[in-house]
């Protein structure tokens, strides 16, 4: 399972601008098998792809903004080809896109896009936060509406265990609805205490062992560590998280 752990580069976004190759080298040395991309931060995609190949780091997927999907799809697909990934992930919706009308339109739009791209092997996924639970559509939350696990819905899930916990959901029962529809799952912990801040995996209140066990039985391909805000150096946070995940994996073997 260690070969399925990736780092979401949003965690180290500020460091990438100064030394993208150096950050990738450190991530590889920690034991990560892959990264999930969240922009180039002014760097040439071909240059970064070359570094990734040299380090033997795979690309688990690409976070792609709504605007880029709509206005720069050819560039997005070109970069996906450069990075040899088929997972295209919509990571966030601005406040103006969080209405019933917008969610309805986006579901139709991205199903059409997924249909168009599926013969090329691409998969369209949606990564959530907590705001999707605030809007109801057809008697369910906007997130459940977007990710409805029906045969005709081609939008796959990139569920995030921190945001499920923050939203008051029981993580495993929620995951169960999307068995074999979660190529990538985001792992981040929630700190103990009232502030519910982001924390390194294994240092907070979320139980990760059953999540990993569930993922291995239900089609998860990448366990992606992400920490939106880190108290110290983000690289130290990534290091703490993967050490704990490796510990859990070793305990299971």
C-alpha atoms as a PDB file:
ATOM      1  CA  UNK A   1       0.000   0.000   0.000  1.00  0.00           C
ATOM      2  CA  UNK A   2       2.983   2.327   0.468  1.00  0.00           C
ATOM      3  CA  UNK A   3       3.218   2.590  -3.312  1.00  0.00           C
ATOM      4  CA  UNK A   4      -0.217   4.239  -3.316  1.00  0.00           C
ATOM      5  CA  UNK A   5       0.524   7.258  -1.088  1.00  0.00           C
ATOM      6  CA  UNK A   6       0.676  10.662  -2.808  1.00  0.00           C
ATOM      7  CA  UNK A   7       1.234  14.236  -1.646  1.00  0.00           C
ATOM      8  CA  UNK A   8      -1.123  17.011  -2.771  1.00  0.00           C
ATOM      9  CA  UNK A   9       1.206  19.844  -3.742  1.00  0.00           C
ATOM     10  CA  UNK A  10      -1.243  22.508  -2.569  1.00  0.00           C
ATOM     11  CA  UNK A  11       0.241  21.718   0.852  1.00  0.00           C
ATOM     12  CA  UNK A  12       3.607  23.145  -0.221  1.00  0.00           C
ATOM     13  CA  UNK A  13       2.326  25.780  -2.661  1.00  0.00           C
ATOM     14  CA  UNK A  14       4.448  28.628  -1.296  1.00  0.00           C
ATOM     15  CA  UNK A  15       7.649  26.579  -1.420  1.00  0.00           C
ATOM     16  CA  UNK A  16       7.095  25.480  -5.011  1.00  0.00           C
ATOM     17  CA  UNK A  17       7.473  28.977  -6.427  1.00  0.00           C
ATOM     18  CA  UNK A  18      11.057  29.178  -5.185  1.00  0.00           C
ATOM     19  CA  UNK A  19      12.250  25.610  -5.770  1.00  0.00           C
ATOM     20  CA  UNK A  20       9.753  23.218  -7.351  1.00  0.00           C
ATOM     21  CA  UNK A  21      12.397  20.534  -8.184  1.00  0.00           C
ATOM     22  CA  UNK A  22      13.922  20.711  -4.711  1.00  0.00           C
ATOM     23  CA  UNK A  23      10.545  20.262  -3.025  1.00  0.00           C
ATOM     24  CA  UNK A  24       9.778  17.248  -5.223  1.00  0.00           C
ATOM     25  CA  UNK A  25      13.118  15.704  -4.262  1.00  0.00           C
ATOM     26  CA  UNK A  26      12.319  16.080  -0.556  1.00  0.00           C
ATOM     27  CA  UNK A  27       8.857  14.579  -1.062  1.00  0.00           C
ATOM     28  CA  UNK A  28      10.387  11.580  -2.819  1.00  0.00           C
ATOM     29  CA  UNK A  29      12.942  11.125  -0.038  1.00  0.00           C
ATOM     30  CA  UNK A  30      10.112  11.024   2.528  1.00  0.00           C
ATOM     31  CA  UNK A  31       8.715   7.960   0.777  1.00  0.00           C
ATOM     32  CA  UNK A  32       5.848   9.367  -1.277  1.00  0.00           C
ATOM     33  CA  UNK A  33       5.169   7.440  -4.467  1.00  0.00           C
ATOM     34  CA  UNK A  34       3.315  10.219  -6.286  1.00  0.00           C
ATOM     35  CA  UNK A  35       2.116  13.788  -6.197  1.00  0.00           C
ATOM     36  CA  UNK A  36      -1.207  15.351  -7.036  1.00  0.00           C
ATOM     37  CA  UNK A  37      -0.708  18.592  -8.931  1.00  0.00           C
ATOM     38  CA  UNK A  38      -2.332  21.946  -8.145  1.00  0.00           C
ATOM     39  CA  UNK A  39      -0.816  24.336 -10.668  1.00  0.00           C
ATOM     40  CA  UNK A  40       2.660  24.998 -12.052  1.00  0.00           C
ATOM     41  CA  UNK A  41       3.507  28.090  -9.991  1.00  0.00           C
ATOM     42  CA  UNK A  42       5.289  29.728 -12.915  1.00  0.00           C
ATOM     43  CA  UNK A  43       7.257  26.641 -13.932  1.00  0.00           C
ATOM     44  CA  UNK A  44       7.314  24.882 -17.294  1.00  0.00           C
ATOM     45  CA  UNK A  45       5.234  21.659 -17.190  1.00  0.00           C
ATOM     46  CA  UNK A  46       7.791  19.793 -19.300  1.00  0.00           C
ATOM     47  CA  UNK A  47      10.583  20.775 -16.923  1.00  0.00           C
ATOM     48  CA  UNK A  48       8.583  19.542 -13.904  1.00  0.00           C
ATOM     49  CA  UNK A  49       7.587  16.336 -15.714  1.00  0.00           C
ATOM     50  CA  UNK A  50      11.259  15.660 -16.418  1.00  0.00           C
ATOM     51  CA  UNK A  51      12.104  16.078 -12.719  1.00  0.00           C
ATOM     52  CA  UNK A  52       9.260  13.745 -11.759  1.00  0.00           C
ATOM     53  CA  UNK A  53      10.550  11.072 -14.145  1.00  0.00           C
ATOM     54  CA  UNK A  54      14.078  11.401 -12.774  1.00  0.00           C
ATOM     55  CA  UNK A  55      12.766  10.975  -9.237  1.00  0.00           C
ATOM     56  CA  UNK A  56      10.367   8.161 -10.209  1.00  0.00           C
ATOM     57  CA  UNK A  57       7.422  10.097  -8.802  1.00  0.00           C
ATOM     58  CA  UNK A  58       4.084   9.402 -10.461  1.00  0.00           C
ATOM     59  CA  UNK A  59       1.253  11.904 -10.883  1.00  0.00           C
ATOM     60  CA  UNK A  60      -1.937  10.787  -9.141  1.00  0.00           C
ATOM     61  CA  UNK A  61      -4.058  13.518 -10.701  1.00  0.00           C
ATOM     62  CA  UNK A  62      -4.382  17.202 -11.486  1.00  0.00           C
ATOM     63  CA  UNK A  63      -6.542  19.773  -9.727  1.00  0.00           C
ATOM     64  CA  UNK A  64      -8.048  21.947 -12.465  1.00  0.00           C
ATOM     65  CA  UNK A  65     -10.057  25.112 -11.797  1.00  0.00           C
ATOM     66  CA  UNK A  66     -13.550  25.552 -13.176  1.00  0.00           C
ATOM     67  CA  UNK A  67     -12.285  28.410 -15.370  1.00  0.00           C
ATOM     68  CA  UNK A  68      -9.481  26.264 -16.785  1.00  0.00           C
ATOM     69  CA  UNK A  69     -11.882  23.433 -17.583  1.00  0.00           C
ATOM     70  CA  UNK A  70     -14.091  25.906 -19.420  1.00  0.00           C
ATOM     71  CA  UNK A  71     -11.540  28.131 -21.153  1.00  0.00           C
ATOM     72  CA  UNK A  72      -8.282  26.166 -21.364  1.00  0.00           C
ATOM     73  CA  UNK A  73      -9.296  22.552 -21.860  1.00  0.00           C
ATOM     74  CA  UNK A  74      -6.778  21.950 -24.641  1.00  0.00           C
ATOM     75  CA  UNK A  75      -3.961  23.137 -22.365  1.00  0.00           C
ATOM     76  CA  UNK A  76      -5.276  21.016 -19.498  1.00  0.00           C
ATOM     77  CA  UNK A  77      -5.303  17.903 -21.678  1.00  0.00           C
ATOM     78  CA  UNK A  78      -1.845  18.700 -23.011  1.00  0.00           C
ATOM     79  CA  UNK A  79      -0.510  18.929 -19.450  1.00  0.00           C
ATOM     80  CA  UNK A  80      -2.300  15.726 -18.475  1.00  0.00           C
ATOM     81  CA  UNK A  81      -0.537  14.019 -21.374  1.00  0.00           C
ATOM     82  CA  UNK A  82       2.811  15.494 -20.328  1.00  0.00           C
ATOM     83  CA  UNK A  83       2.304  14.256 -16.770  1.00  0.00           C
ATOM     84  CA  UNK A  84       0.782  10.924 -17.836  1.00  0.00           C
ATOM     85  CA  UNK A  85      -2.295  11.213 -15.647  1.00  0.00           C
ATOM     86  CA  UNK A  86      -5.944  10.575 -16.447  1.00  0.00           C
ATOM     87  CA  UNK A  87      -7.508  12.007 -13.269  1.00  0.00           C
ATOM     88  CA  UNK A  88      -8.812  15.545 -13.784  1.00  0.00           C
ATOM     89  CA  UNK A  89     -10.220  16.954 -10.558  1.00  0.00           C
ATOM     90  CA  UNK A  90     -12.400  20.008 -10.003  1.00  0.00           C
ATOM     91  CA  UNK A  91     -11.130  21.143  -6.582  1.00  0.00           C
ATOM     92  CA  UNK A  92     -13.260  24.109  -5.551  1.00  0.00           C
ATOM     93  CA  UNK A  93     -16.244  26.269  -6.405  1.00  0.00           C
ATOM     94  CA  UNK A  94     -16.364  29.986  -5.751  1.00  0.00           C
ATOM     95  CA  UNK A  95     -19.271  31.330  -3.700  1.00  0.00           C
ATOM     96  CA  UNK A  96     -21.195  32.498  -6.774  1.00  0.00           C
ATOM     97  CA  UNK A  97     -21.184  28.910  -8.095  1.00  0.00           C
ATOM     98  CA  UNK A  98     -22.778  27.445  -4.969  1.00  0.00           C
ATOM     99  CA  UNK A  99     -26.418  27.915  -5.913  1.00  0.00           C
ATOM    100  CA  UNK A 100     -28.945  25.250  -6.840  1.00  0.00           C
ATOM    101  CA  UNK A 101     -28.889  26.500 -10.434  1.00  0.00           C
ATOM    102  CA  UNK A 102     -25.090  26.412 -10.629  1.00  0.00           C
ATOM    103  CA  UNK A 103     -24.721  22.962  -9.090  1.00  0.00           C
ATOM    104  CA  UNK A 104     -27.369  21.652 -11.493  1.00  0.00           C
ATOM    105  CA  UNK A 105     -25.623  23.187 -14.484  1.00  0.00           C
ATOM    106  CA  UNK A 106     -22.172  22.019 -13.382  1.00  0.00           C
ATOM    107  CA  UNK A 107     -23.380  18.440 -12.961  1.00  0.00           C
ATOM    108  CA  UNK A 108     -24.754  18.431 -16.508  1.00  0.00           C
ATOM    109  CA  UNK A 109     -21.687  20.203 -17.893  1.00  0.00           C
ATOM    110  CA  UNK A 110     -19.176  17.842 -16.311  1.00  0.00           C
ATOM    111  CA  UNK A 111     -21.109  14.724 -17.195  1.00  0.00           C
ATOM    112  CA  UNK A 112     -21.018  15.867 -20.817  1.00  0.00           C
ATOM    113  CA  UNK A 113     -17.276  16.515 -20.510  1.00  0.00           C
ATOM    114  CA  UNK A 114     -16.669  13.118 -18.899  1.00  0.00           C
ATOM    115  CA  UNK A 115     -18.619  11.462 -21.706  1.00  0.00           C
ATOM    116  CA  UNK A 116     -16.565  13.338 -24.293  1.00  0.00           C
ATOM    117  CA  UNK A 117     -13.236  12.379 -22.703  1.00  0.00           C
ATOM    118  CA  UNK A 118     -13.882   8.846 -21.481  1.00  0.00           C
ATOM    119  CA  UNK A 119     -12.733   7.195 -24.699  1.00  0.00           C
ATOM    120  CA  UNK A 120      -9.347   8.839 -24.132  1.00  0.00           C
ATOM    121  CA  UNK A 121      -9.272   7.324 -20.641  1.00  0.00           C
ATOM    122  CA  UNK A 122      -9.827  10.539 -18.701  1.00  0.00           C
ATOM    123  CA  UNK A 123     -11.877  10.610 -15.502  1.00  0.00           C
ATOM    124  CA  UNK A 124     -13.576  13.686 -14.082  1.00  0.00           C
ATOM    125  CA  UNK A 125     -13.635  13.891 -10.276  1.00  0.00           C
ATOM    126  CA  UNK A 126     -14.949  16.424  -7.782  1.00  0.00           C
ATOM    127  CA  UNK A 127     -13.081  17.363  -4.595  1.00  0.00           C
ATOM    128  CA  UNK A 128     -15.277  18.809  -1.866  1.00  0.00           C
ATOM    129  CA  UNK A 129     -15.078  20.978   1.233  1.00  0.00           C
ATOM    130  CA  UNK A 130     -17.871  21.531   3.750  1.00  0.00           C
ATOM    131  CA  UNK A 131     -19.926  24.181   1.940  1.00  0.00           C
ATOM    132  CA  UNK A 132     -21.508  21.596  -0.387  1.00  0.00           C
ATOM    133  CA  UNK A 133     -23.497  20.283   2.563  1.00  0.00           C
ATOM    134  CA  UNK A 134     -25.184  23.672   3.051  1.00  0.00           C
ATOM    135  CA  UNK A 135     -27.273  23.531  -0.156  1.00  0.00           C
ATOM    136  CA  UNK A 136     -30.068  21.037  -0.770  1.00  0.00           C
ATOM    137  CA  UNK A 137     -31.009  19.765  -4.222  1.00  0.00           C
ATOM    138  CA  UNK A 138     -33.713  17.172  -4.786  1.00  0.00           C
ATOM    139  CA  UNK A 139     -33.737  16.363  -1.076  1.00  0.00           C
ATOM    140  CA  UNK A 140     -30.001  15.751  -0.756  1.00  0.00           C
ATOM    141  CA  UNK A 141     -26.899  17.848  -0.186  1.00  0.00           C
ATOM    142  CA  UNK A 142     -25.254  19.442  -3.202  1.00  0.00           C
ATOM    143  CA  UNK A 143     -22.298  17.086  -2.742  1.00  0.00           C
ATOM    144  CA  UNK A 144     -24.511  14.001  -2.786  1.00  0.00           C
ATOM    145  CA  UNK A 145     -26.323  15.433  -5.799  1.00  0.00           C
ATOM    146  CA  UNK A 146     -23.084  15.993  -7.733  1.00  0.00           C
ATOM    147  CA  UNK A 147     -21.648  12.583  -6.837  1.00  0.00           C
ATOM    148  CA  UNK A 148     -24.840  10.532  -6.997  1.00  0.00           C
ATOM    149  CA  UNK A 149     -23.621   6.951  -7.494  1.00  0.00           C
ATOM    150  CA  UNK A 150     -25.809   6.079 -10.466  1.00  0.00           C
ATOM    151  CA  UNK A 151     -24.768   4.484 -13.730  1.00  0.00           C
ATOM    152  CA  UNK A 152     -25.548   7.609 -15.734  1.00  0.00           C
ATOM    153  CA  UNK A 153     -23.518   9.953 -13.476  1.00  0.00           C
ATOM    154  CA  UNK A 154     -19.909  10.011 -14.663  1.00  0.00           C
ATOM    155  CA  UNK A 155     -18.603  12.429 -12.022  1.00  0.00           C
ATOM    156  CA  UNK A 156     -16.389  10.486  -9.622  1.00  0.00           C
ATOM    157  CA  UNK A 157     -15.574  11.429  -6.038  1.00  0.00           C
ATOM    158  CA  UNK A 158     -12.412  12.744  -4.472  1.00  0.00           C
ATOM    159  CA  UNK A 159     -13.683  12.611  -0.912  1.00  0.00           C
ATOM    160  CA  UNK A 160     -11.761  14.331   1.870  1.00  0.00           C
ATOM    161  CA  UNK A 161     -11.965  12.758   5.305  1.00  0.00           C
ATOM    162  CA  UNK A 162     -11.254  16.023   7.157  1.00  0.00           C
ATOM    163  CA  UNK A 163     -14.144  17.834   5.486  1.00  0.00           C
ATOM    164  CA  UNK A 164     -16.469  14.905   6.124  1.00  0.00           C
ATOM    165  CA  UNK A 165     -15.538  15.016   9.810  1.00  0.00           C
ATOM    166  CA  UNK A 166     -15.888  18.822   9.877  1.00  0.00           C
ATOM    167  CA  UNK A 167     -19.366  18.473   8.374  1.00  0.00           C
ATOM    168  CA  UNK A 168     -20.460  16.057  11.088  1.00  0.00           C
ATOM    169  CA  UNK A 169     -20.585  12.992   8.849  1.00  0.00           C
ATOM    170  CA  UNK A 170     -19.607   9.491   9.892  1.00  0.00           C
ATOM    171  CA  UNK A 171     -16.712   8.887   7.543  1.00  0.00           C
ATOM    172  CA  UNK A 172     -16.967   5.162   6.780  1.00  0.00           C
ATOM    173  CA  UNK A 173     -20.742   5.080   6.195  1.00  0.00           C
ATOM    174  CA  UNK A 174     -20.395   8.093   3.898  1.00  0.00           C
ATOM    175  CA  UNK A 175     -17.550   6.479   1.942  1.00  0.00           C
ATOM    176  CA  UNK A 176     -19.557   3.290   1.555  1.00  0.00           C
ATOM    177  CA  UNK A 177     -22.001   4.964  -0.818  1.00  0.00           C
ATOM    178  CA  UNK A 178     -19.173   5.585  -3.267  1.00  0.00           C
ATOM    179  CA  UNK A 179     -17.436   2.205  -3.348  1.00  0.00           C
ATOM    180  CA  UNK A 180     -15.400   1.883  -6.556  1.00  0.00           C
ATOM    181  CA  UNK A 181     -16.130   5.528  -7.404  1.00  0.00           C
ATOM    182  CA  UNK A 182     -13.230   7.106  -5.451  1.00  0.00           C
ATOM    183  CA  UNK A 183      -9.981   6.881  -7.438  1.00  0.00           C
ATOM    184  CA  UNK A 184      -8.246   9.294  -5.026  1.00  0.00           C
ATOM    185  CA  UNK A 185      -9.093  10.014  -1.406  1.00  0.00           C
ATOM    186  CA  UNK A 186      -7.714  12.963   0.562  1.00  0.00           C
ATOM    187  CA  UNK A 187      -6.242  12.271   3.978  1.00  0.00           C
ATOM    188  CA  UNK A 188      -5.811  15.016   6.522  1.00  0.00           C
ATOM    189  CA  UNK A 189      -6.456  14.970  10.249  1.00  0.00           C
ATOM    190  CA  UNK A 190      -8.470  17.220  12.535  1.00  0.00           C
ATOM    191  CA  UNK A 191      -6.716  18.613  15.596  1.00  0.00           C
ATOM    192  CA  UNK A 192      -8.047  17.815  19.037  1.00  0.00           C
ATOM    193  CA  UNK A 193      -9.894  20.726  20.595  1.00  0.00           C
ATOM    194  CA  UNK A 194     -12.632  23.153  19.724  1.00  0.00           C
ATOM    195  CA  UNK A 195     -10.957  24.926  16.798  1.00  0.00           C
ATOM    196  CA  UNK A 196     -11.054  21.790  14.559  1.00  0.00           C
ATOM    197  CA  UNK A 197      -7.956  22.963  12.717  1.00  0.00           C
ATOM    198  CA  UNK A 198      -6.019  20.973  10.120  1.00  0.00           C
ATOM    199  CA  UNK A 199      -3.511  18.510  11.535  1.00  0.00           C
ATOM    200  CA  UNK A 200      -0.949  16.007  10.373  1.00  0.00           C
ATOM    201  CA  UNK A 201      -2.277  12.500   9.806  1.00  0.00           C
ATOM    202  CA  UNK A 202      -2.141  10.533  13.036  1.00  0.00           C
ATOM    203  CA  UNK A 203      -1.988  13.533  15.371  1.00  0.00           C
ATOM    204  CA  UNK A 204      -5.701  14.319  15.616  1.00  0.00           C
ATOM    205  CA  UNK A 205      -9.067  12.671  16.137  1.00  0.00           C
ATOM    206  CA  UNK A 206      -9.661  10.794  12.871  1.00  0.00           C
ATOM    207  CA  UNK A 207      -9.102   7.010  12.816  1.00  0.00           C
ATOM    208  CA  UNK A 208      -7.190   6.243   9.621  1.00  0.00           C
ATOM    209  CA  UNK A 209      -6.645   2.498   9.865  1.00  0.00           C
ATOM    210  CA  UNK A 210     -10.261   1.593   8.999  1.00  0.00           C
ATOM    211  CA  UNK A 211     -10.213   4.164   6.175  1.00  0.00           C
ATOM    212  CA  UNK A 212      -7.171   2.483   4.623  1.00  0.00           C
ATOM    213  CA  UNK A 213      -8.726  -0.948   5.075  1.00  0.00           C
ATOM    214  CA  UNK A 214     -11.933   0.225   3.420  1.00  0.00           C
ATOM    215  CA  UNK A 215     -10.032   1.828   0.566  1.00  0.00           C
ATOM    216  CA  UNK A 216      -8.159  -1.375  -0.246  1.00  0.00           C
ATOM    217  CA  UNK A 217     -11.436  -3.247  -0.589  1.00  0.00           C
ATOM    218  CA  UNK A 218     -13.314  -0.588  -2.534  1.00  0.00           C
ATOM    219  CA  UNK A 219     -11.150   0.630  -5.374  1.00  0.00           C
ATOM    220  CA  UNK A 220      -9.125   3.523  -3.947  1.00  0.00           C
ATOM    221  CA  UNK A 221      -6.037   3.943  -6.122  1.00  0.00           C
ATOM    222  CA  UNK A 222      -4.272   6.812  -4.361  1.00  0.00           C
ATOM    223  CA  UNK A 223      -4.240   7.968  -0.735  1.00  0.00           C
ATOM    224  CA  UNK A 224      -3.446  11.662  -1.087  1.00  0.00           C
ATOM    225  CA  UNK A 225      -2.059  13.552   1.911  1.00  0.00           C
ATOM    226  CA  UNK A 226      -3.072  17.197   1.982  1.00  0.00           C
ATOM    227  CA  UNK A 227      -2.856  19.821   4.701  1.00  0.00           C
ATOM    228  CA  UNK A 228      -4.352  23.162   3.723  1.00  0.00           C
ATOM    229  CA  UNK A 229      -2.657  25.105   6.519  1.00  0.00           C
ATOM    230  CA  UNK A 230       0.416  23.971   8.462  1.00  0.00           C
ATOM    231  CA  UNK A 231       1.626  25.455  11.731  1.00  0.00           C
ATOM    232  CA  UNK A 232       5.274  25.063  10.723  1.00  0.00           C
ATOM    233  CA  UNK A 233       7.149  24.005   7.600  1.00  0.00           C
ATOM    234  CA  UNK A 234       4.682  22.199   5.285  1.00  0.00           C
ATOM    235  CA  UNK A 235       7.379  19.681   4.361  1.00  0.00           C
ATOM    236  CA  UNK A 236       7.613  18.690   8.021  1.00  0.00           C
ATOM    237  CA  UNK A 237       3.847  18.181   8.039  1.00  0.00           C
ATOM    238  CA  UNK A 238       4.014  15.917   4.981  1.00  0.00           C
ATOM    239  CA  UNK A 239       6.847  13.987   6.623  1.00  0.00           C
ATOM    240  CA  UNK A 240       4.889  13.456   9.844  1.00  0.00           C
ATOM    241  CA  UNK A 241       1.835  12.261   7.930  1.00  0.00           C
ATOM    242  CA  UNK A 242       3.620   9.704   5.773  1.00  0.00           C
ATOM    243  CA  UNK A 243       5.568   8.326   8.709  1.00  0.00           C
ATOM    244  CA  UNK A 244       2.296   7.592  10.456  1.00  0.00           C
ATOM    245  CA  UNK A 245       0.712   6.061   7.362  1.00  0.00           C
ATOM    246  CA  UNK A 246       3.752   3.824   6.844  1.00  0.00           C
ATOM    247  CA  UNK A 247       3.498   2.801  10.494  1.00  0.00           C
ATOM    248  CA  UNK A 248      -0.173   1.815  10.045  1.00  0.00           C
ATOM    249  CA  UNK A 249       0.623  -0.120   6.881  1.00  0.00           C
ATOM    250  CA  UNK A 250       3.479  -1.977   8.559  1.00  0.00           C
ATOM    251  CA  UNK A 251       1.155  -2.874  11.439  1.00  0.00           C
ATOM    252  CA  UNK A 252      -1.307  -4.438   9.006  1.00  0.00           C
ATOM    253  CA  UNK A 253       1.324  -6.582   7.298  1.00  0.00           C
END
